[in-house]
Each structure stands twice: as structure tokens, then as C-alpha cells.
């Protein structure tokens, strides 16, 4: 049972509006901005793993939402890595497809299930 003196500690990356949500629910958020690139990259890496685990455990009805969360954090990680490298993710060709997304692979996977 929780009392008013209980503090939940998560130590994870959260979306920008989460402190506002906590305040709106009567809580007092304790957070810090990650200004150091290495701290931010470590937090985003951990968030990618967290979101992938949530996707793996998601029900069929929850998978699209979990995929959207994973895409969002993966996009943030790619942008951070590109920024750190000095390149621009928006200059990458949008038509590039990962090899594991070939149509014939998906069709073969469906037939074997």
C-alpha cells in the first residue's frame, strides 16, 4: 500500500510532457534534463530495449501502439547518432529498405506458420 511519503524512482527516459502529467495528477515530479550527449545516448539505448521488450510482451491488440513507441525512440536514437556524427538523417534516401523486409521473405514466413 502506498502512502503520501512514497517516492517512485524509475531512472528512465520519459517524454517531455510526463512531468506535466505528474503535476496534473497531484504529484511532484523529480527529474533532470540530460544535457550530456553520452548520458542521453545511454538513456535512449535503454529506452529502445525497454520498448522492444514491451513489444515482445504485447497482446496482438497492443502491438501497433508498441511498434509506434519503438519507432519513435529508434528515430530519436538515429537522430542523436547522426547529430553526434555530424551527418543529417533527413539527407538519407527514404526508399532504403532493410533486407529483412523483402516481400518474398514475408510471404515465405506466412506459409510456414
C-alpha atoms as a PDB file:
ATOM      1  CA  UNK A   1       0.000   0.000   0.000  1.00  0.00           C
ATOM      2  CA  UNK A   2       1.287   3.424  -0.961  1.00  0.00           C
ATOM      3  CA  UNK A   3       1.237   6.376   1.359  1.00  0.00           C
ATOM      4  CA  UNK A   4       1.858  10.053   0.623  1.00  0.00           C
ATOM      5  CA  UNK A   5       5.563   9.744   1.503  1.00  0.00           C
ATOM      6  CA  UNK A   6       6.293   7.080  -1.110  1.00  0.00           C
ATOM      7  CA  UNK A   7       8.533   8.117  -3.983  1.00  0.00           C
ATOM      8  CA  UNK A   8       8.593   6.056  -7.154  1.00  0.00           C
ATOM      9  CA  UNK A   9      12.024   6.002  -8.751  1.00  0.00           C
ATOM     10  CA  UNK A  10      12.177   4.999 -12.417  1.00  0.00           C
ATOM     11  CA  UNK A  11      15.503   6.349 -13.706  1.00  0.00           C
ATOM     12  CA  UNK A  12      14.459   6.216 -17.319  1.00  0.00           C
ATOM     13  CA  UNK A  13      13.922   8.484 -20.266  1.00  0.00           C
ATOM     14  CA  UNK A  14      10.424   9.963 -20.429  1.00  0.00           C
ATOM     15  CA  UNK A  15       8.561  12.083 -22.930  1.00  0.00           C
ATOM     16  CA  UNK A  16       8.679  15.843 -22.481  1.00  0.00           C
ATOM     17  CA  UNK A  17       5.161  16.166 -21.075  1.00  0.00           C
ATOM     18  CA  UNK A  18       5.406  13.469 -18.380  1.00  0.00           C
ATOM     19  CA  UNK A  19       6.368  15.935 -15.596  1.00  0.00           C
ATOM     20  CA  UNK A  20       3.252  17.957 -16.509  1.00  0.00           C
ATOM     21  CA  UNK A  21       1.099  14.822 -16.345  1.00  0.00           C
ATOM     22  CA  UNK A  22       2.506  14.001 -12.898  1.00  0.00           C
ATOM     23  CA  UNK A  23       1.747  17.559 -11.716  1.00  0.00           C
ATOM     24  CA  UNK A  24      -1.783  17.388 -13.164  1.00  0.00           C
ATOM     25  CA  UNK A  25      -2.353  14.229 -11.108  1.00  0.00           C
ATOM     26  CA  UNK A  26      -1.284  15.988  -7.909  1.00  0.00           C
ATOM     27  CA  UNK A  27       2.266  14.655  -7.801  1.00  0.00           C
ATOM     28  CA  UNK A  28       5.630  16.356  -7.705  1.00  0.00           C
ATOM     29  CA  UNK A  29       7.971  15.163 -10.423  1.00  0.00           C
ATOM     30  CA  UNK A  30      11.688  14.973  -9.731  1.00  0.00           C
ATOM     31  CA  UNK A  31      13.619  14.926 -12.975  1.00  0.00           C
ATOM     32  CA  UNK A  32      16.683  16.292 -14.666  1.00  0.00           C
ATOM     33  CA  UNK A  33      17.413  17.204 -18.240  1.00  0.00           C
ATOM     34  CA  UNK A  34      20.057  15.065 -19.927  1.00  0.00           C
ATOM     35  CA  UNK A  35      22.393  17.652 -21.371  1.00  0.00           C
ATOM     36  CA  UNK A  36      25.450  15.429 -21.708  1.00  0.00           C
ATOM     37  CA  UNK A  37      25.427  13.551 -25.032  1.00  0.00           C
ATOM     38  CA  UNK A  38      26.737  10.325 -23.517  1.00  0.00           C
ATOM     39  CA  UNK A  39      24.038  10.336 -20.785  1.00  0.00           C
ATOM     40  CA  UNK A  40      21.342  10.982 -23.372  1.00  0.00           C
ATOM     41  CA  UNK A  41      22.599   8.262 -25.723  1.00  0.00           C
ATOM     42  CA  UNK A  42      22.761   5.752 -22.859  1.00  0.00           C
ATOM     43  CA  UNK A  43      19.200   6.650 -21.836  1.00  0.00           C
ATOM     44  CA  UNK A  44      17.897   6.353 -25.400  1.00  0.00           C
ATOM     45  CA  UNK A  45      19.632   2.981 -25.852  1.00  0.00           C
ATOM     46  CA  UNK A  46      17.989   1.745 -22.651  1.00  0.00           C
ATOM     47  CA  UNK A  47      14.625   3.079 -23.857  1.00  0.00           C
ATOM     48  CA  UNK A  48      14.955   1.190 -27.160  1.00  0.00           C
ATOM     49  CA  UNK A  49      15.477  -2.034 -25.204  1.00  0.00           C
ATOM     50  CA  UNK A  50      12.526  -1.218 -22.912  1.00  0.00           C
ATOM     51  CA  UNK A  51      10.206  -0.558 -25.842  1.00  0.00           C
ATOM     52  CA  UNK A  52      11.349  -3.717 -27.647  1.00  0.00           C
ATOM     53  CA  UNK A  53      10.580  -5.763 -24.529  1.00  0.00           C
ATOM     54  CA  UNK A  54       7.157  -4.148 -24.279  1.00  0.00           C
ATOM     55  CA  UNK A  55       6.511  -5.033 -27.918  1.00  0.00           C
ATOM     56  CA  UNK A  56       7.570  -8.620 -27.331  1.00  0.00           C
ATOM     57  CA  UNK A  57       5.127  -8.939 -24.435  1.00  0.00           C
ATOM     58  CA  UNK A  58       2.284  -7.061 -26.087  1.00  0.00           C
ATOM     59  CA  UNK A  59      -1.013  -8.621 -26.976  1.00  0.00           C
ATOM     60  CA  UNK A  60      -1.967  -8.612 -30.671  1.00  0.00           C
ATOM     61  CA  UNK A  61      -4.223  -5.624 -29.973  1.00  0.00           C
ATOM     62  CA  UNK A  62      -1.367  -3.649 -28.379  1.00  0.00           C
ATOM     63  CA  UNK A  63       1.330  -4.361 -30.971  1.00  0.00           C
ATOM     64  CA  UNK A  64       0.696  -1.417 -33.287  1.00  0.00           C
ATOM     65  CA  UNK A  65       0.928   1.048 -30.387  1.00  0.00           C
ATOM     66  CA  UNK A  66       4.080  -0.634 -29.079  1.00  0.00           C
ATOM     67  CA  UNK A  67       5.612  -0.569 -32.565  1.00  0.00           C
ATOM     68  CA  UNK A  68       4.839   3.149 -32.781  1.00  0.00           C
ATOM     69  CA  UNK A  69       6.619   3.714 -29.456  1.00  0.00           C
ATOM     70  CA  UNK A  70       9.608   1.691 -30.654  1.00  0.00           C
ATOM     71  CA  UNK A  71       9.711   3.611 -33.934  1.00  0.00           C
ATOM     72  CA  UNK A  72       9.596   6.930 -32.084  1.00  0.00           C
ATOM     73  CA  UNK A  73      12.505   6.096 -29.788  1.00  0.00           C
ATOM     74  CA  UNK A  74      14.504   4.449 -32.588  1.00  0.00           C
ATOM     75  CA  UNK A  75      14.067   7.578 -34.695  1.00  0.00           C
ATOM     76  CA  UNK A  76      15.293   9.680 -31.755  1.00  0.00           C
ATOM     77  CA  UNK A  77      18.333   7.423 -31.390  1.00  0.00           C
ATOM     78  CA  UNK A  78      19.135   7.645 -35.112  1.00  0.00           C
ATOM     79  CA  UNK A  79      18.839  11.440 -34.993  1.00  0.00           C
ATOM     80  CA  UNK A  80      21.108  11.634 -31.943  1.00  0.00           C
ATOM     81  CA  UNK A  81      23.716   9.376 -33.521  1.00  0.00           C
ATOM     82  CA  UNK A  82      23.581  11.291 -36.810  1.00  0.00           C
ATOM     83  CA  UNK A  83      23.883  14.594 -34.952  1.00  0.00           C
ATOM     84  CA  UNK A  84      26.843  13.291 -32.984  1.00  0.00           C
ATOM     85  CA  UNK A  85      28.479  12.115 -36.207  1.00  0.00           C
ATOM     86  CA  UNK A  86      27.774  15.417 -37.898  1.00  0.00           C
ATOM     87  CA  UNK A  87      25.531  13.941 -40.591  1.00  0.00           C
ATOM     88  CA  UNK A  88      21.909  14.647 -41.325  1.00  0.00           C
ATOM     89  CA  UNK A  89      19.342  11.829 -41.185  1.00  0.00           C
ATOM     90  CA  UNK A  90      16.993  13.804 -43.428  1.00  0.00           C
ATOM     91  CA  UNK A  91      19.547  13.519 -46.235  1.00  0.00           C
ATOM     92  CA  UNK A  92      19.273   9.724 -46.246  1.00  0.00           C
ATOM     93  CA  UNK A  93      17.304   8.174 -49.049  1.00  0.00           C
ATOM     94  CA  UNK A  94      13.761   7.454 -47.890  1.00  0.00           C
ATOM     95  CA  UNK A  95      13.479   4.447 -50.212  1.00  0.00           C
ATOM     96  CA  UNK A  96      16.089   2.372 -48.381  1.00  0.00           C
ATOM     97  CA  UNK A  97      14.549  -0.845 -47.061  1.00  0.00           C
ATOM     98  CA  UNK A  98      16.165  -3.238 -44.615  1.00  0.00           C
ATOM     99  CA  UNK A  99      16.982  -6.598 -46.210  1.00  0.00           C
ATOM    100  CA  UNK A 100      14.747  -8.469 -43.779  1.00  0.00           C
ATOM    101  CA  UNK A 101      11.665  -6.670 -45.117  1.00  0.00           C
ATOM    102  CA  UNK A 102      11.682  -8.276 -48.546  1.00  0.00           C
ATOM    103  CA  UNK A 103       8.211  -9.260 -49.691  1.00  0.00           C
ATOM    104  CA  UNK A 104       9.285 -12.801 -50.557  1.00  0.00           C
ATOM    105  CA  UNK A 105      10.598 -13.330 -47.011  1.00  0.00           C
ATOM    106  CA  UNK A 106       7.301 -12.204 -45.515  1.00  0.00           C
ATOM    107  CA  UNK A 107       5.315 -14.448 -47.871  1.00  0.00           C
ATOM    108  CA  UNK A 108       7.528 -17.447 -47.063  1.00  0.00           C
ATOM    109  CA  UNK A 109       7.120 -16.777 -43.333  1.00  0.00           C
ATOM    110  CA  UNK A 110       3.342 -16.727 -43.662  1.00  0.00           C
ATOM    111  CA  UNK A 111       3.243 -20.073 -45.484  1.00  0.00           C
ATOM    112  CA  UNK A 112       5.337 -21.877 -42.887  1.00  0.00           C
ATOM    113  CA  UNK A 113       3.263 -20.886 -39.851  1.00  0.00           C
END
